[in-house]
Amino acid sequence: MRTKLIERLVKQMNNKEFWFCYDLKMGDWIINQGKYPFITKAIHPKSRSVFFLFKKSDRLDLLTGEYKLEKFYKNIV
């Protein structure tokens, strides 16, 4: 019963407002290095994958870009 409710809520969430981050290293980096708050850390009911839920913003876009650049440069050095 609870799983069905969670599934329905996830489907109703507007993906324009929220970002589901399934990369736990990235999520931890955004929270700790970027000092950006997350709404929740949860498990997807069907896939059983852990994710962070963030509210979308320009700052979050900048932080995800910064993380990807940092990860890219670590791989080439």
PDB file of N, CA and C in Angstrom:
ATOM      1  N   MET A   1       0.823  -1.199   0.000  1.00  0.00           N
ATOM      2  CA  MET A   1       0.000   0.000   0.000  1.00  0.00           C
ATOM      3  C   MET A   1       0.865   1.261   0.000  1.00  0.00           C
ATOM      4  N   ARG A   2       1.835   1.310   0.926  1.00  0.00           N
ATOM      5  CA  ARG A   2       2.699   2.491   1.015  1.00  0.00           C
ATOM      6  C   ARG A   2       3.532   2.656  -0.249  1.00  0.00           C
ATOM      7  N   THR A   3       4.009   1.533  -0.804  1.00  0.00           N
ATOM      8  CA  THR A   3       4.804   1.573  -2.033  1.00  0.00           C
ATOM      9  C   THR A   3       3.999   2.177  -3.174  1.00  0.00           C
ATOM     10  N   LYS A   4       2.733   1.803  -3.286  1.00  0.00           N
ATOM     11  CA  LYS A   4       1.865   2.345  -4.342  1.00  0.00           C
ATOM     12  C   LYS A   4       1.708   3.854  -4.179  1.00  0.00           C
ATOM     13  N   LEU A   5       1.564   4.308  -2.950  1.00  0.00           N
ATOM     14  CA  LEU A   5       1.429   5.741  -2.691  1.00  0.00           C
ATOM     15  C   LEU A   5       2.699   6.479  -3.093  1.00  0.00           C
ATOM     16  N   ILE A   6       3.850   5.928  -2.738  1.00  0.00           N
ATOM     17  CA  ILE A   6       5.127   6.552  -3.094  1.00  0.00           C
ATOM     18  C   ILE A   6       5.288   6.596  -4.605  1.00  0.00           C
ATOM     19  N   GLU A   7       4.957   5.490  -5.280  1.00  0.00           N
ATOM     20  CA  GLU A   7       5.050   5.461  -6.741  1.00  0.00           C
ATOM     21  C   GLU A   7       4.171   6.544  -7.363  1.00  0.00           C
ATOM     22  N   ARG A   8       2.965   6.694  -6.856  1.00  0.00           N
ATOM     23  CA  ARG A   8       2.051   7.703  -7.382  1.00  0.00           C
ATOM     24  C   ARG A   8       2.591   9.117  -7.148  1.00  0.00           C
ATOM     25  N   LEU A   9       3.141   9.354  -5.968  1.00  0.00           N
ATOM     26  CA  LEU A   9       3.706  10.674  -5.666  1.00  0.00           C
ATOM     27  C   LEU A   9       4.892  10.990  -6.567  1.00  0.00           C
ATOM     28  N   VAL A  10       5.752   9.997  -6.799  1.00  0.00           N
ATOM     29  CA  VAL A  10       6.918  10.203  -7.666  1.00  0.00           C
ATOM     30  C   VAL A  10       6.462  10.558  -9.075  1.00  0.00           C
ATOM     31  N   LYS A  11       5.440   9.870  -9.579  1.00  0.00           N
ATOM     32  CA  LYS A  11       4.932  10.156 -10.918  1.00  0.00           C
ATOM     33  C   LYS A  11       4.328  11.558 -11.010  1.00  0.00           C
ATOM     34  N   GLN A  12       3.714  12.021  -9.920  1.00  0.00           N
ATOM     35  CA  GLN A  12       3.056  13.330  -9.929  1.00  0.00           C
ATOM     36  C   GLN A  12       4.043  14.485  -9.815  1.00  0.00           C
ATOM     37  N   MET A  13       5.224  14.216  -9.289  1.00  0.00           N
ATOM     38  CA  MET A  13       6.198  15.297  -9.126  1.00  0.00           C
ATOM     39  C   MET A  13       6.574  15.862 -10.483  1.00  0.00           C
ATOM     40  N   ASN A  14       6.645  17.156 -10.525  1.00  0.00           N
ATOM     41  CA  ASN A  14       6.995  17.844 -11.762  1.00  0.00           C
ATOM     42  C   ASN A  14       8.507  17.808 -11.920  1.00  0.00           C
ATOM     43  N   ASN A  15       8.997  17.135 -12.949  1.00  0.00           N
ATOM     44  CA  ASN A  15      10.439  17.037 -13.158  1.00  0.00           C
ATOM     45  C   ASN A  15      11.068  18.374 -13.501  1.00  0.00           C
ATOM     46  N   LYS A  16      10.258  19.384 -13.753  1.00  0.00           N
ATOM     47  CA  LYS A  16      10.809  20.725 -13.980  1.00  0.00           C
ATOM     48  C   LYS A  16      11.204  21.387 -12.668  1.00  0.00           C
ATOM     49  N   GLU A  17      10.654  20.900 -11.565  1.00  0.00           N
ATOM     50  CA  GLU A  17      10.938  21.484 -10.254  1.00  0.00           C
ATOM     51  C   GLU A  17      11.962  20.700  -9.446  1.00  0.00           C
ATOM     52  N   PHE A  18      12.044  19.394  -9.697  1.00  0.00           N
ATOM     53  CA  PHE A  18      12.886  18.534  -8.877  1.00  0.00           C
ATOM     54  C   PHE A  18      13.866  17.748  -9.724  1.00  0.00           C
ATOM     55  N   TRP A  19      14.996  17.403  -9.105  1.00  0.00           N
ATOM     56  CA  TRP A  19      16.014  16.611  -9.786  1.00  0.00           C
ATOM     57  C   TRP A  19      16.337  15.391  -8.927  1.00  0.00           C
ATOM     58  N   PHE A  20      16.203  14.227  -9.530  1.00  0.00           N
ATOM     59  CA  PHE A  20      16.526  12.971  -8.869  1.00  0.00           C
ATOM     60  C   PHE A  20      17.966  12.614  -9.221  1.00  0.00           C
ATOM     61  N   CYS A  21      18.827  12.551  -8.231  1.00  0.00           N
ATOM     62  CA  CYS A  21      20.237  12.256  -8.438  1.00  0.00           C
ATOM     63  C   CYS A  21      20.520  10.823  -7.982  1.00  0.00           C
ATOM     64  N   TYR A  22      20.766   9.948  -8.956  1.00  0.00           N
ATOM     65  CA  TYR A  22      21.058   8.551  -8.652  1.00  0.00           C
ATOM     66  C   TYR A  22      22.557   8.288  -8.531  1.00  0.00           C
ATOM     67  N   ASP A  23      23.384   9.303  -8.786  1.00  0.00           N
ATOM     68  CA  ASP A  23      24.835   9.196  -8.608  1.00  0.00           C
ATOM     69  C   ASP A  23      25.139   9.634  -7.170  1.00  0.00           C
ATOM     70  N   LEU A  24      25.330   8.672  -6.279  1.00  0.00           N
ATOM     71  CA  LEU A  24      25.479   8.995  -4.863  1.00  0.00           C
ATOM     72  C   LEU A  24      26.737   9.803  -4.569  1.00  0.00           C
ATOM     73  N   LYS A  25      27.812   9.567  -5.334  1.00  0.00           N
ATOM     74  CA  LYS A  25      29.021  10.370  -5.142  1.00  0.00           C
ATOM     75  C   LYS A  25      28.743  11.830  -5.495  1.00  0.00           C
ATOM     76  N   MET A  26      28.022  12.043  -6.594  1.00  0.00           N
ATOM     77  CA  MET A  26      27.675  13.406  -6.990  1.00  0.00           C
ATOM     78  C   MET A  26      26.753  14.049  -5.956  1.00  0.00           C
ATOM     79  N   GLY A  27      25.769  13.301  -5.495  1.00  0.00           N
ATOM     80  CA  GLY A  27      24.853  13.835  -4.489  1.00  0.00           C
ATOM     81  C   GLY A  27      25.576  14.239  -3.220  1.00  0.00           C
ATOM     82  N   ASP A  28      26.473  13.376  -2.747  1.00  0.00           N
ATOM     83  CA  ASP A  28      27.267  13.711  -1.557  1.00  0.00           C
ATOM     84  C   ASP A  28      28.118  14.953  -1.796  1.00  0.00           C
ATOM     85  N   TRP A  29      28.713  15.061  -2.984  1.00  0.00           N
ATOM     86  CA  TRP A  29      29.558  16.214  -3.308  1.00  0.00           C
ATOM     87  C   TRP A  29      28.725  17.497  -3.304  1.00  0.00           C
ATOM     88  N   ILE A  30      27.559  17.466  -3.915  1.00  0.00           N
ATOM     89  CA  ILE A  30      26.694  18.651  -3.974  1.00  0.00           C
ATOM     90  C   ILE A  30      26.308  19.094  -2.563  1.00  0.00           C
ATOM     91  N   ILE A  31      26.005  18.125  -1.702  1.00  0.00           N
ATOM     92  CA  ILE A  31      25.599  18.440  -0.334  1.00  0.00           C
ATOM     93  C   ILE A  31      26.774  18.958   0.490  1.00  0.00           C
ATOM     94  N   ASN A  32      27.915  18.277   0.422  1.00  0.00           N
ATOM     95  CA  ASN A  32      29.049  18.611   1.292  1.00  0.00           C
ATOM     96  C   ASN A  32      29.922  19.730   0.750  1.00  0.00           C
ATOM     97  N   GLN A  33      30.324  19.654  -0.518  1.00  0.00           N
ATOM     98  CA  GLN A  33      31.196  20.680  -1.095  1.00  0.00           C
ATOM     99  C   GLN A  33      30.400  21.910  -1.533  1.00  0.00           C
ATOM    100  N   GLY A  34      29.242  21.685  -2.088  1.00  0.00           N
ATOM    101  CA  GLY A  34      28.425  22.780  -2.598  1.00  0.00           C
ATOM    102  C   GLY A  34      27.514  23.394  -1.554  1.00  0.00           C
ATOM    103  N   LYS A  35      27.427  22.745  -0.387  1.00  0.00           N
ATOM    104  CA  LYS A  35      26.563  23.221   0.697  1.00  0.00           C
ATOM    105  C   LYS A  35      25.135  23.446   0.200  1.00  0.00           C
ATOM    106  N   TYR A  36      24.658  22.522  -0.628  1.00  0.00           N
ATOM    107  CA  TYR A  36      23.321  22.637  -1.206  1.00  0.00           C
ATOM    108  C   TYR A  36      22.403  21.641  -0.500  1.00  0.00           C
ATOM    109  N   PRO A  37      21.257  22.083  -0.013  1.00  0.00           N
ATOM    110  CA  PRO A  37      20.374  21.182   0.740  1.00  0.00           C
ATOM    111  C   PRO A  37      19.625  20.202  -0.159  1.00  0.00           C
ATOM    112  N   PHE A  38      19.413  19.009   0.351  1.00  0.00           N
ATOM    113  CA  PHE A  38      18.610  18.038  -0.372  1.00  0.00           C
ATOM    114  C   PHE A  38      17.267  17.887   0.341  1.00  0.00           C
ATOM    115  N   ILE A  39      16.256  17.458  -0.403  1.00  0.00           N
ATOM    116  CA  ILE A  39      14.927  17.292   0.168  1.00  0.00           C
ATOM    117  C   ILE A  39      14.850  15.954   0.903  1.00  0.00           C
ATOM    118  N   THR A  40      15.326  14.913   0.246  1.00  0.00           N
ATOM    119  CA  THR A  40      15.318  13.600   0.874  1.00  0.00           C
ATOM    120  C   THR A  40      16.317  12.682   0.186  1.00  0.00           C
ATOM    121  N   LYS A  41      16.687  11.636   0.885  1.00  0.00           N
ATOM    122  CA  LYS A  41      17.455  10.534   0.319  1.00  0.00           C
ATOM    123  C   LYS A  41      16.550   9.326   0.471  1.00  0.00           C
ATOM    124  N   ALA A  42      16.279   8.625  -0.626  1.00  0.00           N
ATOM    125  CA  ALA A  42      15.288   7.554  -0.579  1.00  0.00           C
ATOM    126  C   ALA A  42      15.669   6.417  -1.520  1.00  0.00           C
ATOM    127  N   ILE A  43      14.832   5.403  -1.527  1.00  0.00           N
ATOM    128  CA  ILE A  43      15.004   4.242  -2.394  1.00  0.00           C
ATOM    129  C   ILE A  43      13.825   4.202  -3.352  1.00  0.00           C
ATOM    130  N   HIS A  44      14.135   4.112  -4.651  1.00  0.00           N
ATOM    131  CA  HIS A  44      13.075   4.006  -5.656  1.00  0.00           C
ATOM    132  C   HIS A  44      12.329   2.689  -5.421  1.00  0.00           C
ATOM    133  N   PRO A  45      11.000   2.746  -5.362  1.00  0.00           N
ATOM    134  CA  PRO A  45      10.248   1.546  -5.006  1.00  0.00           C
ATOM    135  C   PRO A  45      10.397   0.368  -5.972  1.00  0.00           C
ATOM    136  N   LYS A  46      10.551   0.617  -7.251  1.00  0.00           N
ATOM    137  CA  LYS A  46      10.651  -0.492  -8.206  1.00  0.00           C
ATOM    138  C   LYS A  46      12.086  -0.938  -8.434  1.00  0.00           C
ATOM    139  N   SER A  47      12.984   0.022  -8.700  1.00  0.00           N
ATOM    140  CA  SER A  47      14.362  -0.346  -9.038  1.00  0.00           C
ATOM    141  C   SER A  47      15.218  -0.610  -7.810  1.00  0.00           C
ATOM    142  N   ARG A  48      14.755  -0.152  -6.649  1.00  0.00           N
ATOM    143  CA  ARG A  48      15.493  -0.270  -5.374  1.00  0.00           C
ATOM    144  C   ARG A  48      16.791   0.526  -5.394  1.00  0.00           C
ATOM    145  N   SER A  49      16.912   1.471  -6.300  1.00  0.00           N
ATOM    146  CA  SER A  49      18.094   2.333  -6.380  1.00  0.00           C
ATOM    147  C   SER A  49      17.949   3.495  -5.403  1.00  0.00           C
ATOM    148  N   VAL A  50      19.048   3.819  -4.735  1.00  0.00           N
ATOM    149  CA  VAL A  50      19.055   4.947  -3.807  1.00  0.00           C
ATOM    150  C   VAL A  50      19.246   6.237  -4.608  1.00  0.00           C
ATOM    151  N   PHE A  51      18.552   7.306  -4.205  1.00  0.00           N
ATOM    152  CA  PHE A  51      18.687   8.590  -4.880  1.00  0.00           C
ATOM    153  C   PHE A  51      18.550   9.739  -3.889  1.00  0.00           C
ATOM    154  N   PHE A  52      19.083  10.889  -4.283  1.00  0.00           N
ATOM    155  CA  PHE A  52      18.852  12.141  -3.575  1.00  0.00           C
ATOM    156  C   PHE A  52      17.834  12.928  -4.384  1.00  0.00           C
ATOM    157  N   LEU A  53      16.976  13.667  -3.708  1.00  0.00           N
ATOM    158  CA  LEU A  53      16.023  14.537  -4.380  1.00  0.00           C
ATOM    159  C   LEU A  53      16.387  15.982  -4.049  1.00  0.00           C
ATOM    160  N   PHE A  54      16.618  16.782  -5.093  1.00  0.00           N
ATOM    161  CA  PHE A  54      16.967  18.194  -4.939  1.00  0.00           C
ATOM    162  C   PHE A  54      15.920  19.062  -5.623  1.00  0.00           C
ATOM    163  N   LYS A  55      15.750  20.266  -5.134  1.00  0.00           N
ATOM    164  CA  LYS A  55      14.931  21.258  -5.828  1.00  0.00           C
ATOM    165  C   LYS A  55      15.820  21.902  -6.879  1.00  0.00           C
ATOM    166  N   LYS A  56      15.345  21.958  -8.108  1.00  0.00           N
ATOM    167  CA  LYS A  56      16.140  22.532  -9.197  1.00  0.00           C
ATOM    168  C   LYS A  56      16.327  24.036  -9.004  1.00  0.00           C
ATOM    169  N   SER A  57      17.491  24.507  -9.406  1.00  0.00           N
ATOM    170  CA  SER A  57      17.798  25.939  -9.366  1.00  0.00           C
ATOM    171  C   SER A  57      19.012  26.188 -10.261  1.00  0.00           C
ATOM    172  N   ASP A  58      19.279  27.448 -10.536  1.00  0.00           N
ATOM    173  CA  ASP A  58      20.476  27.805 -11.299  1.00  0.00           C
ATOM    174  C   ASP A  58      21.733  27.377 -10.552  1.00  0.00           C
ATOM    175  N   ARG A  59      21.712  27.528  -9.233  1.00  0.00           N
ATOM    176  CA  ARG A  59      22.879  27.148  -8.430  1.00  0.00           C
ATOM    177  C   ARG A  59      23.131  25.643  -8.528  1.00  0.00           C
ATOM    178  N   LEU A  60      22.082  24.853  -8.510  1.00  0.00           N
ATOM    179  CA  LEU A  60      22.245  23.404  -8.643  1.00  0.00           C
ATOM    180  C   LEU A  60      22.834  23.067 -10.008  1.00  0.00           C
ATOM    181  N   ASP A  61      22.395  23.765 -11.048  1.00  0.00           N
ATOM    182  CA  ASP A  61      22.969  23.551 -12.386  1.00  0.00           C
ATOM    183  C   ASP A  61      24.464  23.836 -12.381  1.00  0.00           C
ATOM    184  N   LEU A  62      24.866  24.928 -11.723  1.00  0.00           N
ATOM    185  CA  LEU A  62      26.292  25.271 -11.638  1.00  0.00           C
ATOM    186  C   LEU A  62      27.074  24.207 -10.873  1.00  0.00           C
ATOM    187  N   LEU A  63      26.510  23.737  -9.772  1.00  0.00           N
ATOM    188  CA  LEU A  63      27.202  22.722  -8.970  1.00  0.00           C
ATOM    189  C   LEU A  63      27.355  21.407  -9.723  1.00  0.00           C
ATOM    190  N   THR A  64      26.335  20.981 -10.447  1.00  0.00           N
ATOM    191  CA  THR A  64      26.458  19.732 -11.205  1.00  0.00           C
ATOM    192  C   THR A  64      27.501  19.879 -12.306  1.00  0.00           C
ATOM    193  N   GLY A  65      27.539  21.042 -12.941  1.00  0.00           N
ATOM    194  CA  GLY A  65      28.561  21.298 -13.955  1.00  0.00           C
ATOM    195  C   GLY A  65      29.954  21.297 -13.357  1.00  0.00           C
ATOM    196  N   GLU A  66      30.095  21.923 -12.190  1.00  0.00           N
ATOM    197  CA  GLU A  66      31.394  21.970 -11.515  1.00  0.00           C
ATOM    198  C   GLU A  66      31.850  20.557 -11.120  1.00  0.00           C
ATOM    199  N   TYR A  67      30.937  19.756 -10.629  1.00  0.00           N
ATOM    200  CA  TYR A  67      31.271  18.377 -10.260  1.00  0.00           C
ATOM    201  C   TYR A  67      31.749  17.588 -11.483  1.00  0.00           C
ATOM    202  N   LYS A  68      31.026  17.718 -12.575  1.00  0.00           N
ATOM    203  CA  LYS A  68      31.383  16.978 -13.794  1.00  0.00           C
ATOM    204  C   LYS A  68      32.743  17.415 -14.320  1.00  0.00           C
ATOM    205  N   LEU A  69      33.037  18.719 -14.265  1.00  0.00           N
ATOM    206  CA  LEU A  69      34.356  19.206 -14.692  1.00  0.00           C
ATOM    207  C   LEU A  69      35.457  18.660 -13.795  1.00  0.00           C
ATOM    208  N   GLU A  70      35.227  18.714 -12.491  1.00  0.00           N
ATOM    209  CA  GLU A  70      36.218  18.218 -11.539  1.00  0.00           C
ATOM    210  C   GLU A  70      36.471  16.723 -11.770  1.00  0.00           C
ATOM    211  N   LYS A  71      35.422  15.961 -11.988  1.00  0.00           N
ATOM    212  CA  LYS A  71      35.543  14.528 -12.244  1.00  0.00           C
ATOM    213  C   LYS A  71      36.289  14.277 -13.556  1.00  0.00           C
ATOM    214  N   PHE A  72      35.980  15.074 -14.577  1.00  0.00           N
ATOM    215  CA  PHE A  72      36.633  14.937 -15.872  1.00  0.00           C
ATOM    216  C   PHE A  72      38.137  15.193 -15.753  1.00  0.00           C
ATOM    217  N   TYR A  73      38.510  16.297 -15.076  1.00  0.00           N
ATOM    218  CA  TYR A  73      39.928  16.634 -14.951  1.00  0.00           C
ATOM    219  C   TYR A  73      40.695  15.644 -14.097  1.00  0.00           C
ATOM    220  N   LYS A  74      40.044  15.016 -13.124  1.00  0.00           N
ATOM    221  CA  LYS A  74      40.699  13.991 -12.325  1.00  0.00           C
ATOM    222  C   LYS A  74      41.030  12.776 -13.184  1.00  0.00           C
ATOM    223  N   ASN A  75      40.180  12.486 -14.158  1.00  0.00           N
ATOM    224  CA  ASN A  75      40.387  11.325 -15.021  1.00  0.00           C
ATOM    225  C   ASN A  75      41.489  11.518 -16.052  1.00  0.00           C
ATOM    226  N   ILE A  76      41.790  12.766 -16.417  1.00  0.00           N
ATOM    227  CA  ILE A  76      42.818  12.973 -17.446  1.00  0.00           C
ATOM    228  C   ILE A  76      44.186  13.304 -16.867  1.00  0.00           C
ATOM    229  N   VAL A  77      44.250  13.582 -15.578  1.00  0.00           N
ATOM    230  CA  VAL A  77      45.537  13.912 -14.965  1.00  0.00           C
ATOM    231  C   VAL A  77      46.174  12.672 -14.409  1.00  0.00           C
TER     232      VAL A  77
END
